[in-house]
Amino acid sequence: MERIEVNVRTKEKDTIKLTQVEVDAANVNTQAEAAYMEANGYKVARLEAYGSIGDQLDMIYKDQVNSTSTFKDHVASVKTAHPKP
């Protein structure tokens, strides 16, 4: 494996061969990230699916004004679509 370093002043590029220690460290990081996403990926998916705090507050307000359950229904659908492992 190699990495490319660029001198910001001269724009010169250098290709540097990684040591085995650097390669092993990169592999450990990749494995750790994969394990984290396997255990916690649903959290990331839920955060994206819930929408912004402003949108959530707007749903809650409109539910109160209109006596609806849009927010509760939305939360339930997100939790169903992205269950905990």
C-alpha atoms as a PDB file:
ATOM      1  CA  MET A   1       0.000   0.000   0.000  1.00  0.00           C
ATOM      2  CA  GLU A   2       1.046   3.546  -0.656  1.00  0.00           C
ATOM      3  CA  ARG A   3      -0.067   7.001   0.295  1.00  0.00           C
ATOM      4  CA  ILE A   4       0.354  10.197  -1.650  1.00  0.00           C
ATOM      5  CA  GLU A   5       1.594  13.334   0.074  1.00  0.00           C
ATOM      6  CA  VAL A   6       1.279  16.713  -1.610  1.00  0.00           C
ATOM      7  CA  ASN A   7       3.405  19.724  -0.745  1.00  0.00           C
ATOM      8  CA  VAL A   8       0.885  22.570  -0.511  1.00  0.00           C
ATOM      9  CA  ARG A   9       3.438  25.189  -1.463  1.00  0.00           C
ATOM     10  CA  THR A  10       5.044  23.516  -4.469  1.00  0.00           C
ATOM     11  CA  LYS A  11       2.166  21.147  -5.392  1.00  0.00           C
ATOM     12  CA  GLU A  12       4.747  18.354  -5.710  1.00  0.00           C
ATOM     13  CA  LYS A  13       3.403  14.858  -5.105  1.00  0.00           C
ATOM     14  CA  ASP A  14       5.365  12.136  -3.342  1.00  0.00           C
ATOM     15  CA  THR A  15       4.304   8.516  -3.224  1.00  0.00           C
ATOM     16  CA  ILE A  16       5.315   6.902   0.052  1.00  0.00           C
ATOM     17  CA  LYS A  17       5.201   3.175   0.670  1.00  0.00           C
ATOM     18  CA  LEU A  18       3.404   2.323   3.912  1.00  0.00           C
ATOM     19  CA  THR A  19       5.158   0.200   6.489  1.00  0.00           C
ATOM     20  CA  GLN A  20       3.569  -3.062   7.587  1.00  0.00           C
ATOM     21  CA  VAL A  21       2.732  -1.431  10.933  1.00  0.00           C
ATOM     22  CA  GLU A  22       0.798   1.328   9.126  1.00  0.00           C
ATOM     23  CA  VAL A  23      -1.020  -1.231   6.970  1.00  0.00           C
ATOM     24  CA  ASP A  24      -1.922  -3.300  10.039  1.00  0.00           C
ATOM     25  CA  ALA A  25      -3.154  -0.184  11.851  1.00  0.00           C
ATOM     26  CA  ALA A  26      -5.339   0.755   8.882  1.00  0.00           C
ATOM     27  CA  ASN A  27      -6.809  -2.752   8.817  1.00  0.00           C
ATOM     28  CA  VAL A  28      -7.558  -2.624  12.553  1.00  0.00           C
ATOM     29  CA  ASN A  29      -9.275   0.744  12.106  1.00  0.00           C
ATOM     30  CA  THR A  30     -11.330  -0.601   9.195  1.00  0.00           C
ATOM     31  CA  GLN A  31     -12.354  -3.660  11.211  1.00  0.00           C
ATOM     32  CA  ALA A  32     -13.250  -1.475  14.203  1.00  0.00           C
ATOM     33  CA  GLU A  33     -15.360   0.826  12.022  1.00  0.00           C
ATOM     34  CA  ALA A  34     -17.149  -2.156  10.481  1.00  0.00           C
ATOM     35  CA  ALA A  35     -17.872  -3.614  13.928  1.00  0.00           C
ATOM     36  CA  TYR A  36     -19.140  -0.242  15.153  1.00  0.00           C
ATOM     37  CA  MET A  37     -21.450   0.165  12.160  1.00  0.00           C
ATOM     38  CA  GLU A  38     -22.746  -3.383  12.546  1.00  0.00           C
ATOM     39  CA  ALA A  39     -23.642  -2.693  16.170  1.00  0.00           C
ATOM     40  CA  ASN A  40     -24.730   0.942  15.771  1.00  0.00           C
ATOM     41  CA  GLY A  41     -25.691   1.402  12.123  1.00  0.00           C
ATOM     42  CA  TYR A  42     -29.358   1.548  13.036  1.00  0.00           C
ATOM     43  CA  LYS A  43     -28.655   4.710  15.061  1.00  0.00           C
ATOM     44  CA  VAL A  44     -27.193   6.480  12.031  1.00  0.00           C
ATOM     45  CA  ALA A  45     -30.086   5.334   9.844  1.00  0.00           C
ATOM     46  CA  ARG A  46     -32.621   6.508  12.427  1.00  0.00           C
ATOM     47  CA  LEU A  47     -30.983   9.920  12.786  1.00  0.00           C
ATOM     48  CA  GLU A  48     -31.264  10.471   9.049  1.00  0.00           C
ATOM     49  CA  ALA A  49     -34.826   9.152   8.883  1.00  0.00           C
ATOM     50  CA  TYR A  50     -36.158  11.206  11.809  1.00  0.00           C
ATOM     51  CA  GLY A  51     -35.375  14.484  10.054  1.00  0.00           C
ATOM     52  CA  SER A  52     -34.289  17.724  11.649  1.00  0.00           C
ATOM     53  CA  ILE A  53     -35.247  18.760  15.165  1.00  0.00           C
ATOM     54  CA  GLY A  54     -37.164  21.672  13.649  1.00  0.00           C
ATOM     55  CA  ASP A  55     -39.244  19.325  11.504  1.00  0.00           C
ATOM     56  CA  GLN A  56     -39.923  17.095  14.511  1.00  0.00           C
ATOM     57  CA  LEU A  57     -41.004  20.038  16.644  1.00  0.00           C
ATOM     58  CA  ASP A  58     -43.230  21.244  13.821  1.00  0.00           C
ATOM     59  CA  MET A  59     -44.888  17.800  13.654  1.00  0.00           C
ATOM     60  CA  ILE A  60     -45.445  17.836  17.430  1.00  0.00           C
ATOM     61  CA  TYR A  61     -46.929  21.351  17.309  1.00  0.00           C
ATOM     62  CA  LYS A  62     -49.260  20.487  14.437  1.00  0.00           C
ATOM     63  CA  ASP A  63     -50.310  17.297  16.240  1.00  0.00           C
ATOM     64  CA  GLN A  64     -51.249  19.368  19.292  1.00  0.00           C
ATOM     65  CA  VAL A  65     -53.181  21.928  17.243  1.00  0.00           C
ATOM     66  CA  ASN A  66     -54.947  19.398  15.016  1.00  0.00           C
ATOM     67  CA  SER A  67     -55.342  16.534  17.519  1.00  0.00           C
ATOM     68  CA  THR A  68     -53.421  14.181  15.215  1.00  0.00           C
ATOM     69  CA  SER A  69     -50.664  11.640  15.818  1.00  0.00           C
ATOM     70  CA  THR A  70     -48.362  12.340  12.875  1.00  0.00           C
ATOM     71  CA  PHE A  71     -45.233  12.541  15.026  1.00  0.00           C
ATOM     72  CA  LYS A  72     -45.954   9.322  16.924  1.00  0.00           C
ATOM     73  CA  ASP A  73     -46.702   7.553  13.646  1.00  0.00           C
ATOM     74  CA  HIS A  74     -43.486   8.876  12.117  1.00  0.00           C
ATOM     75  CA  VAL A  75     -41.368   7.705  15.066  1.00  0.00           C
ATOM     76  CA  ALA A  76     -43.019   4.275  14.994  1.00  0.00           C
ATOM     77  CA  SER A  77     -42.361   3.905  11.258  1.00  0.00           C
ATOM     78  CA  VAL A  78     -38.692   4.891  11.656  1.00  0.00           C
ATOM     79  CA  LYS A  79     -38.221   2.412  14.506  1.00  0.00           C
ATOM     80  CA  THR A  80     -39.885  -0.315  12.446  1.00  0.00           C
ATOM     81  CA  ALA A  81     -37.787   0.453   9.371  1.00  0.00           C
ATOM     82  CA  HIS A  82     -34.534   0.565  11.384  1.00  0.00           C
ATOM     83  CA  PRO A  83     -34.842  -1.877  14.309  1.00  0.00           C
ATOM     84  CA  LYS A  84     -32.167  -2.401  16.942  1.00  0.00           C
ATOM     85  CA  PRO A  85     -30.023  -5.442  16.194  1.00  0.00           C
END
